[in-house]
Protein backbone atom coordinates (compact mmCIF):
# COMPACT_ATOMS: atom_id res chain seq x y z
CA MET A 1 79.26 85.93 100.94
CA SER A 2 82.23 88.39 101.11
CA TRP A 3 81.64 92.16 100.21
CA LYS A 4 85.40 92.59 100.06
CA THR A 5 87.32 94.76 97.78
CA GLY A 6 91.05 94.08 96.67
CA LYS A 7 91.70 91.16 98.90
CA LYS A 8 91.95 87.27 98.68
CA LEU A 9 88.53 85.71 99.21
CA ALA A 10 85.55 85.89 97.25
CA ALA A 11 83.12 88.66 97.37
CA VAL A 12 79.82 89.86 98.98
CA LEU A 13 77.05 91.68 97.76
CA ALA A 14 78.49 90.75 94.20
CA LEU A 15 76.68 92.65 91.72
CA GLY A 16 74.53 90.39 89.49
CA GLY A 17 74.11 91.12 85.92
CA LEU A 18 70.12 91.11 85.84
CA ALA A 19 68.50 94.11 84.49
CA ALA A 20 66.08 95.76 87.03
CA THR A 21 63.08 94.98 84.60
CA GLY A 22 61.46 91.68 85.62
CA ALA A 23 64.05 90.80 87.87
CA ALA A 24 62.28 92.19 91.11
CA ASP A 25 59.04 90.64 89.89
CA ALA A 26 60.63 87.19 89.50
CA GLN A 27 62.24 87.26 92.84
CA LEU A 28 58.99 88.34 94.77
CA LYS A 29 57.85 85.02 94.76
CA ALA A 30 57.89 83.70 98.46
CA ILE A 31 61.41 82.47 99.19
CA LYS A 32 61.69 79.04 101.54
CA THR A 33 63.84 79.92 104.60
CA ALA A 34 64.99 77.86 107.46
CA THR A 35 62.83 78.62 110.60
CA SER A 36 65.61 77.53 113.17
CA ILE A 37 69.31 76.95 113.81
CA SER A 38 70.14 73.32 114.26
CA SER A 39 72.69 71.95 116.19
CA ALA A 40 74.80 70.58 113.34
CA GLU A 41 75.00 74.48 112.00
CA ARG A 42 75.91 75.70 115.30
CA LYS A 43 78.85 73.25 115.45
CA GLN A 44 79.73 74.06 111.82
CA GLY A 45 79.64 77.84 112.89
CA THR A 46 81.58 77.41 115.70
CA ASP A 47 84.40 75.47 114.31
CA ALA A 48 84.81 77.84 111.42
CA HIS A 49 84.66 80.93 113.96
CA PRO A 50 88.19 80.97 114.92
CA GLN A 51 89.45 80.41 111.51
CA LEU A 52 87.43 83.38 110.05
CA MET A 53 88.71 85.38 113.11
CA ALA A 54 92.30 84.53 112.24
CA GLU A 55 91.83 85.27 108.47
CA PHE A 56 90.32 88.73 109.10
CA GLY A 57 92.53 90.08 111.56
CA GLY A 58 90.55 89.11 114.49
CA ALA A 59 88.04 91.25 116.17
CA TYR A 60 88.13 95.13 116.12
CA ASN A 61 88.23 96.18 119.81
CA GLY A 62 86.66 99.77 119.36
CA PRO A 63 83.69 101.14 120.69
CA GLN A 64 82.18 100.50 117.54
CA ALA A 65 81.85 96.61 118.39
CA ALA A 66 78.82 97.07 120.56
CA TYR A 67 76.99 99.12 118.43
CA VAL A 68 77.30 96.60 115.42
CA ASN A 69 76.78 93.64 117.46
CA ARG A 70 73.23 95.40 118.35
CA VAL A 71 72.40 96.23 114.95
CA GLY A 72 73.30 93.10 113.68
CA GLN A 73 71.35 91.05 116.34
CA ASN A 74 68.35 93.35 115.82
CA ILE A 75 68.50 92.59 111.98
CA ALA A 76 69.39 88.99 112.49
CA VAL A 77 66.09 88.17 114.29
CA GLN A 78 63.95 89.50 111.60
CA SER A 79 65.01 86.27 109.52
CA GLY A 80 63.03 83.72 111.89
CA LEU A 81 66.19 81.84 112.43
CA SER A 82 65.78 82.59 116.24
CA ARG A 83 64.01 84.97 118.27
CA SER A 84 66.50 85.28 120.63
CA ALA A 85 69.28 87.90 119.61
CA SER A 86 71.47 86.28 121.90
CA ASP A 87 71.64 83.39 119.42
CA PHE A 88 73.47 85.71 116.95
CA THR A 89 77.18 86.48 117.22
CA VAL A 90 77.93 89.50 115.32
CA THR A 91 81.68 90.48 114.90
CA LEU A 92 83.06 93.63 113.43
CA LEU A 93 86.33 92.65 111.90
CA ASN A 94 90.03 94.49 111.98
CA SER A 95 90.32 94.16 108.54
CA PRO A 96 91.02 96.80 105.86
CA VAL A 97 88.98 95.15 103.07
CA ASN A 98 85.30 95.64 102.15
CA ASN A 99 83.73 93.00 103.35
CA ALA A 100 80.85 90.98 105.07
CA PHE A 101 79.47 87.58 105.12
CA ALA A 102 77.48 85.19 107.57
CA ILE A 103 77.72 81.34 108.06
CA PRO A 104 75.37 78.86 109.44
CA GLY A 105 75.26 78.78 113.40
CA GLY A 106 74.24 82.31 113.79
CA TYR A 107 77.63 84.03 112.92
CA VAL A 108 77.72 87.60 110.98
CA TYR A 109 80.50 89.48 110.38
CA VAL A 110 81.21 92.98 108.92
CA THR A 111 84.58 94.45 108.38
CA ARG A 112 85.72 97.96 109.87
CA GLN A 113 86.55 99.07 106.19
CA LEU A 114 83.20 98.35 104.87
CA MET A 115 81.57 100.18 107.71
CA ALA A 116 83.63 103.40 107.11
CA LEU A 117 81.93 103.19 103.46
CA MET A 118 78.45 103.44 104.91
CA ASN A 119 76.52 106.65 105.96
CA ASP A 120 73.85 105.50 108.16
CA GLU A 121 72.72 102.67 110.28
CA ALA A 122 69.83 101.40 107.80
CA GLU A 123 72.68 100.66 105.31
CA LEU A 124 74.67 98.68 108.07
CA ALA A 125 71.58 96.87 108.65
CA GLY A 126 70.89 96.33 104.98
CA VAL A 127 74.15 94.90 104.69
CA LEU A 128 73.99 92.52 107.62
CA GLY A 129 70.31 91.80 106.69
CA HIS A 130 71.57 90.35 103.01
CA GLU A 131 74.06 88.14 104.72
CA VAL A 132 71.61 86.72 107.14
CA GLY A 133 69.26 86.26 104.14
CA HIS A 134 71.93 83.89 102.51
CA VAL A 135 72.10 81.96 105.77
CA ALA A 136 68.17 81.68 106.10
CA ALA A 137 67.68 80.50 102.37
CA GLN A 138 70.32 78.11 103.06
CA HIS A 139 72.31 79.00 99.97
CA SER A 140 75.83 77.70 101.48
CA LYS A 141 74.24 74.13 101.03
CA LYS A 142 73.91 74.64 97.56
CA ARG A 143 77.45 75.82 96.40
CA GLN A 144 80.11 73.45 98.41
CA SER A 145 80.11 70.25 96.21
CA ALA A 146 82.81 71.46 93.74
CA ALA A 147 83.89 74.43 95.92
CA THR A 148 87.38 73.21 96.94
CA ARG A 149 88.61 72.31 93.25
CA ASN A 150 87.09 75.38 91.29
CA GLN A 151 88.61 77.90 94.24
CA ILE A 152 92.04 76.29 93.71
CA LEU A 153 91.88 76.15 90.27
CA GLY A 154 90.83 79.78 90.12
CA VAL A 155 93.78 80.74 92.20
CA LEU A 156 96.33 78.76 90.07
CA GLY A 157 94.68 79.25 86.72
CA ALA A 158 96.56 82.27 85.60
CA VAL A 159 99.73 80.42 85.95
CA LEU A 160 98.62 76.93 84.82
CA GLY A 161 96.18 77.53 82.33
CA GLY A 162 93.50 76.10 84.94
CA ALA A 163 94.60 72.51 83.86
CA ILE A 164 96.71 71.14 87.15
CA GLY A 165 95.08 67.98 87.31
CA ASP A 166 94.40 65.94 90.24
CA ASN A 167 97.60 66.12 92.03
CA GLY A 168 96.17 66.31 95.37
CA GLY A 169 99.31 67.00 97.47
CA LEU A 170 100.90 69.36 95.41
CA LEU A 171 97.35 71.08 94.16
CA GLY A 172 96.27 71.03 97.78
CA GLY A 173 99.61 72.25 99.27
CA LEU A 174 100.03 75.08 96.58
CA GLY A 175 96.65 76.20 96.76
CA GLY A 176 96.36 76.32 100.64
CA LEU A 177 99.56 78.35 100.61
CA LEU A 178 98.69 80.88 97.98
CA GLN A 179 95.33 81.57 99.58
CA ASN A 180 96.82 81.86 103.29
CA ASN A 181 95.43 78.16 104.12
CA SER A 182 91.69 80.01 104.07
CA LEU A 183 90.29 77.32 101.69
CA LYS A 184 88.37 75.50 104.65
CA VAL A 185 86.95 78.82 105.88
CA ALA A 186 86.30 80.02 101.97
CA GLN A 187 83.81 77.01 101.78
CA LEU A 188 81.51 78.20 104.50
CA ALA A 189 81.87 81.99 104.16
CA THR A 190 83.28 83.35 100.95
CA LEU A 191 82.39 81.21 97.84
CA GLY A 192 80.44 82.95 95.18
CA PHE A 193 76.91 82.71 95.23
CA SER A 194 74.59 82.62 91.92
CA ARG A 195 73.00 85.71 90.51
CA SER A 196 69.54 84.16 91.27
CA GLN A 197 70.77 83.48 95.08
CA GLU A 198 72.13 87.29 95.30
CA LEU A 199 68.83 88.56 94.35
CA GLN A 200 66.86 86.42 96.81
CA ALA A 201 69.22 87.69 99.30
CA ASP A 202 68.81 91.14 98.38
CA GLN A 203 64.80 90.29 98.38
CA LEU A 204 65.37 89.20 102.01
CA GLY A 205 67.49 91.70 102.97
CA VAL A 206 64.98 94.53 102.02
CA GLN A 207 62.20 92.64 103.77
CA TYR A 208 64.18 92.57 107.19
CA LEU A 209 65.07 96.31 106.97
CA ARG A 210 61.22 97.02 106.26
CA SER A 211 60.43 94.42 109.31
CA ALA A 212 63.09 96.22 111.56
CA GLY A 213 61.65 99.67 111.02
CA TYR A 214 64.46 100.93 108.58
CA ASP A 215 64.23 102.50 105.34
CA PRO A 216 64.19 99.75 102.65
CA LEU A 217 66.06 101.96 100.07
CA ALA A 218 69.37 101.61 102.15
CA LEU A 219 70.33 98.26 100.55
CA SER A 220 70.28 100.30 97.52
CA THR A 221 72.32 103.27 98.63
CA MET A 222 75.01 100.89 99.92
CA LEU A 223 75.09 99.17 96.64
CA THR A 224 75.58 102.47 95.13
CA SER A 225 78.63 103.19 97.33
CA LEU A 226 80.28 99.69 96.36
CA ALA A 227 79.67 100.56 92.69
CA ASN A 228 81.39 104.07 93.38
CA GLN A 229 84.12 102.02 95.31
CA THR A 230 84.76 99.90 92.36
CA THR A 231 85.16 102.75 90.03
CA LEU A 232 87.51 104.55 92.19
CA GLU A 233 89.67 101.41 93.06
CA ALA A 234 90.28 100.70 89.19
CA ARG A 235 91.20 104.09 88.66
CA LEU A 236 93.61 104.35 91.78
CA SER A 237 95.44 101.33 90.11
CA GLY A 238 94.92 101.50 86.59
CA GLY A 239 93.08 98.44 86.65
CA ASP A 240 95.70 96.19 88.04
CA ALA A 241 95.41 92.99 90.11
CA ARG A 242 94.96 94.75 93.49
CA SER A 243 92.51 97.44 92.58
CA LEU A 244 89.35 95.19 91.14
CA PRO A 245 87.29 94.72 94.17
CA GLU A 246 86.39 90.61 94.07
CA TRP A 247 82.90 91.09 94.58
CA ALA A 248 82.81 93.40 91.39
CA SER A 249 84.80 90.85 89.31
CA THR A 250 83.05 87.97 90.75
CA HIS A 251 79.29 89.48 89.65
CA PRO A 252 79.68 92.67 87.51
CA ASP A 253 77.41 95.42 86.44
CA PRO A 254 76.93 97.15 89.75
CA ALA A 255 74.14 99.51 88.09
CA SER A 256 71.94 96.67 87.46
CA ARG A 257 72.02 95.40 91.21
CA VAL A 258 71.34 99.03 92.25
CA ARG A 259 68.38 99.04 90.36
CA ASN A 260 66.96 95.85 91.01
CA ALA A 261 67.54 96.81 95.03
CA GLN A 262 65.23 99.99 94.33
CA SER A 263 62.73 98.13 92.75
CA LEU A 264 62.65 95.72 95.73
CA ALA A 265 62.68 98.78 98.00
CA ASN A 266 59.81 100.62 96.26
CA ARG A 267 57.65 97.25 96.06
CA ALA A 268 58.18 96.92 99.98
CA GLY A 269 56.50 100.11 100.53
CA GLY A 270 59.02 102.59 99.05
CA ASN A 271 61.23 105.21 101.23
CA GLY A 272 60.36 106.01 104.62
CA GLY A 273 61.69 104.34 107.74
CA THR A 274 64.66 104.92 110.06
CA ARG A 275 67.95 105.98 108.68
CA ASN A 276 69.76 107.04 111.91
CA ALA A 277 72.77 108.63 110.25
CA ASP A 278 73.65 110.45 113.63
CA ALA A 279 73.88 107.66 115.80
CA PHE A 280 75.93 105.90 112.77
CA LEU A 281 78.30 108.39 112.38
CA ALA A 282 78.94 108.93 116.06
CA SER A 283 79.94 105.54 116.26
CA VAL A 284 81.97 105.18 113.17
CA ASP A 285 84.12 108.31 114.11
CA ASN A 286 87.67 107.58 114.97
CA VAL A 287 87.35 103.86 113.27
CA LEU A 288 90.80 102.62 111.80
CA TYR A 289 90.72 103.04 108.12
CA GLY A 290 92.73 101.08 105.69
CA ASP A 291 95.83 98.83 106.72
CA ASP A 292 96.49 98.36 110.52
CA PRO A 293 100.38 99.05 110.83
CA ALA A 294 100.51 96.50 113.32
CA GLN A 295 99.98 93.99 110.28
CA GLY A 296 102.02 96.30 107.91
CA VAL A 297 100.79 98.61 105.20
CA VAL A 298 100.41 98.59 101.46
CA GLU A 299 101.43 101.95 99.93
CA GLY A 300 101.33 101.67 95.98
CA ARG A 301 103.82 98.69 95.10
CA ASP A 302 105.59 98.88 98.33
CA PHE A 303 104.97 96.98 101.49
CA LEU A 304 106.11 98.29 104.62
CA HIS A 305 105.85 96.80 108.04
CA PRO A 306 107.18 98.82 111.22
CA ASP A 307 107.04 96.44 113.80
CA LEU A 308 109.01 94.13 111.60
CA LYS A 309 111.22 97.04 110.29
CA LEU A 310 111.24 95.59 106.92
CA ARG A 311 110.06 96.62 103.22
CA PHE A 312 110.02 95.18 99.67
CA THR A 313 108.63 96.43 96.53
CA VAL A 314 106.59 94.03 93.93
CA PRO A 315 107.19 94.34 90.12
CA ASN A 316 105.29 96.89 88.19
CA GLY A 317 101.76 95.62 87.14
CA TYR A 318 101.37 93.22 90.08
CA GLY A 319 98.86 93.45 92.78
CA MET A 320 99.24 92.89 96.37
CA GLN A 321 97.18 92.08 99.49
CA ASN A 322 98.17 91.84 103.06
CA GLY A 323 96.89 89.21 105.05
CA ALA A 324 96.90 88.23 108.53
CA ASP A 325 100.06 86.23 108.28
CA ALA A 326 101.24 86.59 104.81
CA VAL A 327 101.30 89.12 101.96
CA SER A 328 100.00 87.93 98.55
CA VAL A 329 101.47 89.24 95.02
CA SER A 330 99.81 88.31 91.82
CA GLY A 331 100.37 89.39 88.33
CA ASN A 332 99.99 87.93 84.55
CA GLY A 333 103.58 86.51 85.20
CA GLY A 334 103.08 84.30 88.24
CA GLN A 335 101.91 84.54 91.77
CA ALA A 336 103.86 84.76 95.18
CA GLN A 337 103.51 85.00 99.08
CA PHE A 338 105.75 86.79 101.43
CA THR A 339 105.79 85.07 105.13
CA THR A 340 107.53 83.66 107.64
CA GLY A 341 108.05 80.23 109.71
CA PRO A 342 110.11 78.81 112.55
CA TYR A 343 113.73 79.77 112.41
CA SER A 344 116.77 78.20 114.28
CA GLY A 345 119.62 79.67 112.60
CA ASP A 346 119.80 76.62 109.70
CA MET A 347 118.63 78.12 106.36
CA ASN A 348 118.70 74.91 104.60
CA ALA A 349 116.16 73.42 107.25
CA TYR A 350 114.00 76.67 107.05
CA ILE A 351 113.93 76.30 103.11
CA ALA A 352 113.36 72.67 103.29
CA ALA A 353 110.31 73.31 105.74
CA ALA A 354 109.02 75.62 103.23
CA PHE A 355 108.86 73.35 100.42
CA LYS A 356 107.66 70.81 102.49
CA ALA A 357 104.64 72.93 103.32
CA ILE A 358 103.85 73.63 99.75
CA ALA A 359 104.07 69.87 98.36
CA GLY A 360 101.96 68.05 100.99
CA ASN A 361 102.10 64.18 100.02
CA ALA A 362 103.58 65.31 96.74
CA ALA A 363 107.11 64.52 95.67
CA ILE A 364 109.17 67.75 94.84
CA SER A 365 112.87 68.03 94.48
CA PRO A 366 114.28 71.59 94.87
CA GLY A 367 117.72 72.23 93.19
CA ALA A 368 120.69 72.99 95.53
CA ILE A 369 120.36 76.18 97.69
CA GLN A 370 122.10 79.21 96.60
CA ARG A 371 123.36 81.97 98.98
CA THR A 372 123.50 85.65 98.39
CA THR A 373 123.10 88.92 100.00
CA VAL A 374 120.20 91.40 99.40
CA ASN A 375 120.83 95.04 100.84
CA GLY A 376 123.27 93.72 103.81
CA ILE A 377 120.58 90.80 104.47
CA PRO A 378 122.07 87.10 104.26
CA ALA A 379 119.61 85.56 101.73
CA SER A 380 119.43 81.97 100.42
CA TYR A 381 117.15 80.71 97.48
CA SER A 382 116.16 77.28 95.62
CA THR A 383 113.77 76.35 92.69
CA ALA A 384 111.81 73.20 92.00
CA ARG A 385 110.45 72.44 88.79
CA VAL A 386 107.17 70.47 88.90
CA ASN A 387 105.32 68.55 86.12
CA SER A 388 101.71 69.81 85.58
CA GLN A 389 98.99 69.22 83.06
CA SER A 390 99.49 72.25 81.33
CA GLY A 391 103.45 72.12 81.37
CA GLN A 392 106.32 72.46 83.63
CA VAL A 393 106.26 75.26 86.45
CA ASP A 394 108.65 76.52 88.80
CA VAL A 395 108.23 76.92 92.44
CA THR A 396 111.00 79.30 94.21
CA ILE A 397 111.66 79.56 97.80
CA PHE A 398 113.78 82.95 98.65
CA ALA A 399 114.62 83.37 102.10
CA TYR A 400 116.19 86.35 104.22
CA GLU A 401 117.93 85.82 107.58
CA PHE A 402 116.92 88.88 109.51
CA SER A 403 118.31 87.58 112.85
CA ARG A 404 119.62 84.34 114.13
CA GLU A 405 115.82 83.75 115.42
CA ARG A 406 113.85 85.31 112.58
CA ALA A 407 113.75 84.55 109.00
CA PHE A 408 111.14 85.53 106.05
CA HIS A 409 110.69 84.07 102.61
CA PHE A 410 109.12 84.35 99.54
CA VAL A 411 107.50 81.40 97.60
CA THR A 412 106.70 82.14 93.83
CA LEU A 413 104.95 80.17 91.48
CA THR A 414 105.63 80.89 87.81
CA GLN A 415 105.80 78.67 84.35
CA ALA A 416 109.03 77.17 83.78
CA GLY A 417 112.03 79.50 83.52
CA GLY A 418 109.62 82.60 84.54
CA SER A 419 110.75 83.09 87.96
CA GLY A 420 113.24 85.93 86.88
CA VAL A 421 109.86 87.99 86.57
CA PHE A 422 110.42 88.54 90.44
CA ASN A 423 113.84 89.39 90.66
CA SER A 424 113.42 93.04 91.22
CA MET A 425 111.29 91.78 94.37
CA PHE A 426 113.65 89.65 95.54
CA ASN A 427 116.21 92.03 95.70
CA SER A 428 114.05 95.03 97.04
CA VAL A 429 113.62 93.42 100.36
CA ARG A 430 115.48 95.82 103.10
CA ARG A 431 115.16 96.80 106.57
CA LEU A 432 113.54 99.99 107.61
CA SER A 433 115.48 102.65 109.92
CA THR A 434 114.07 103.25 113.25
CA SER A 435 112.85 106.72 111.77
CA GLU A 436 111.26 105.19 108.99
CA ALA A 437 109.30 102.76 111.04
CA ALA A 438 108.11 105.46 112.95
CA ALA A 439 106.98 107.60 110.46
CA ILE A 440 104.38 104.99 109.09
CA LYS A 441 101.19 106.15 110.82
CA PRO A 442 97.77 104.50 110.62
CA ARG A 443 94.62 106.36 109.31
CA ARG A 444 91.41 106.83 110.83
CA ILE A 445 88.12 108.22 110.09
CA ASP A 446 87.31 111.78 111.38
CA VAL A 447 83.38 112.75 111.29
CA VAL A 448 83.60 116.58 110.98
CA THR A 449 80.89 119.37 110.96
CA VAL A 450 80.70 121.17 107.71
CA GLY A 451 81.12 124.66 108.21
CA ARG A 452 80.26 128.12 106.48
CA GLY A 453 82.47 128.22 103.25
CA ASP A 454 83.38 124.45 103.24
CA THR A 455 82.76 122.63 100.10
CA VAL A 456 83.58 119.15 98.87
CA ALA A 457 86.76 120.47 97.49
CA THR A 458 88.08 122.51 100.63
CA LEU A 459 87.09 119.24 102.93
CA ALA A 460 88.62 116.81 100.28
CA ARG A 461 92.10 118.44 100.63
CA ARG A 462 92.11 117.31 104.12
CA MET A 463 91.94 113.97 103.24
CA ALA A 464 95.20 111.88 103.93
CA TYR A 465 96.28 110.85 100.86
CA SER A 466 98.37 112.40 98.23
CA ASN A 467 96.24 111.54 95.07
CA TYR A 468 92.52 111.21 94.24
CA GLN A 469 91.77 113.32 97.32
CA ALA A 470 88.38 114.50 95.82
CA GLU A 471 87.54 111.34 94.72
CA ARG A 472 88.14 109.24 98.03
CA PHE A 473 86.08 112.01 99.69
CA GLN A 474 83.28 111.76 97.16
CA VAL A 475 82.73 108.24 97.49
CA LEU A 476 83.37 107.91 101.41
CA ASN A 477 80.53 110.27 101.39
CA ARG A 478 78.47 109.27 98.52
CA LEU A 479 78.51 112.55 96.82
CA THR A 480 79.46 114.01 93.56
CA ALA A 481 81.82 116.85 92.65
CA SER A 482 78.49 119.11 92.26
CA SER A 483 77.09 118.20 95.37
CA ARG A 484 76.29 121.21 97.97
CA LEU A 485 77.40 120.76 101.58
CA THR A 486 74.87 122.63 104.25
CA PRO A 487 76.58 123.97 107.65
CA GLY A 488 76.11 121.69 110.40
CA GLN A 489 75.89 118.70 107.90
CA ARG A 490 78.48 115.86 109.10
CA VAL A 491 80.60 114.08 106.72
CA LYS A 492 83.69 111.70 106.99
CA ILE A 493 87.11 112.59 106.07
CA VAL A 494 90.24 110.08 106.49
CA VAL A 495 93.18 111.74 108.98
CA TYR A 496 96.61 110.34 109.87
CA ALA A 497 96.42 109.40 113.64
CA SER A 498 99.32 108.73 115.95
CA ARG A 499 100.34 105.30 116.58
């Protein structure tokens, strides 16, 4: 299951709404878990692994990868699925979202962004143990029967009222496009679990922590950081679509989940055991934080891609998420994606191919292609009106010729007559100058030693952000405004790095 905040697939360690009282008692019953990895599960995992890697930006190639693999394999063998650590493939993903998940076949994943939110090795082990627990308890087998339909309707529901019917070609095409073709992978990795399944995975994660010699309270402290991150993300964007972490929106009530995890830890023996903060901080030092400029960056309402030398701005109140090969945009008035495709200089053929990719096997009849110029860039657009059970909807392709060999386009989905909500976005696309592109720099984690006179306030001012510096610093280190720092203590800050 996914631990992601603010991005496309459903989330992990989502906070279930059960109160602490009675929840831990109810789940302390023995959980029936698998005792091996079947050949069918290995094939399932092997087939899904490349898709997941593509969806989440591929493997992160920093020195942190070996460390994460070692910790992940150690916690995974506690599950009893295999006694051999080499049967588990643990991947650190180059993704700017807070996410972790595991799939059948021994594949376990955590993003560099979630790793940066952690403060010690035990928290890393707790996150990965929770995910392995879902696999050991075979939760994925119990949630896939209606997954495809439910997730597509979840994506289109804001526009179509959730009643688009069974038009397989159009539904599948739009659903696949608007989710960056991730549905087949999402079924395995990132569909929401039930509250009871989340609580069972928490219980197993705590058990794995204890058996591996870690502090069982680590899962609850990690959940605390995630709850704090939820609050911060909502404040950063005023509660718009990009801000609310999906793990929180799928399973709200973070405080309840934290209390339950604390109760589980107490019943497993309370605190005590390894936290290994020093080794963890040494490993997380210099890890990439936030968007990778090679994949483009989101700055407020702007998307900028230094390598492609382009930028655009989404309408006010709309959220944006940057994927591996598309940027998704969503708001109350509609949804969109910005992406590209093969281009040989024929814009008519390019737009026709984009509509065909959307429609699948369904009949769709776009209107005449209109020509225009946007900030000096030749552009073309067309709209198709499509019937659905909830009424007519408009699908618009708005494409830009950046060169005779390269084009980009938006595809938007709105209620009939509503495509104008994206006019400002269509007209905002422009080229970046060489100097503008060069000015876009990545952010990285810098682990620093607290000196005499350093405070939360003084260190927060070193954060590479123009707003909410103190709040970002506090969440990153699980601190409060009143926390006292000790000389020699190690903390994380976010700094700009050269490309």
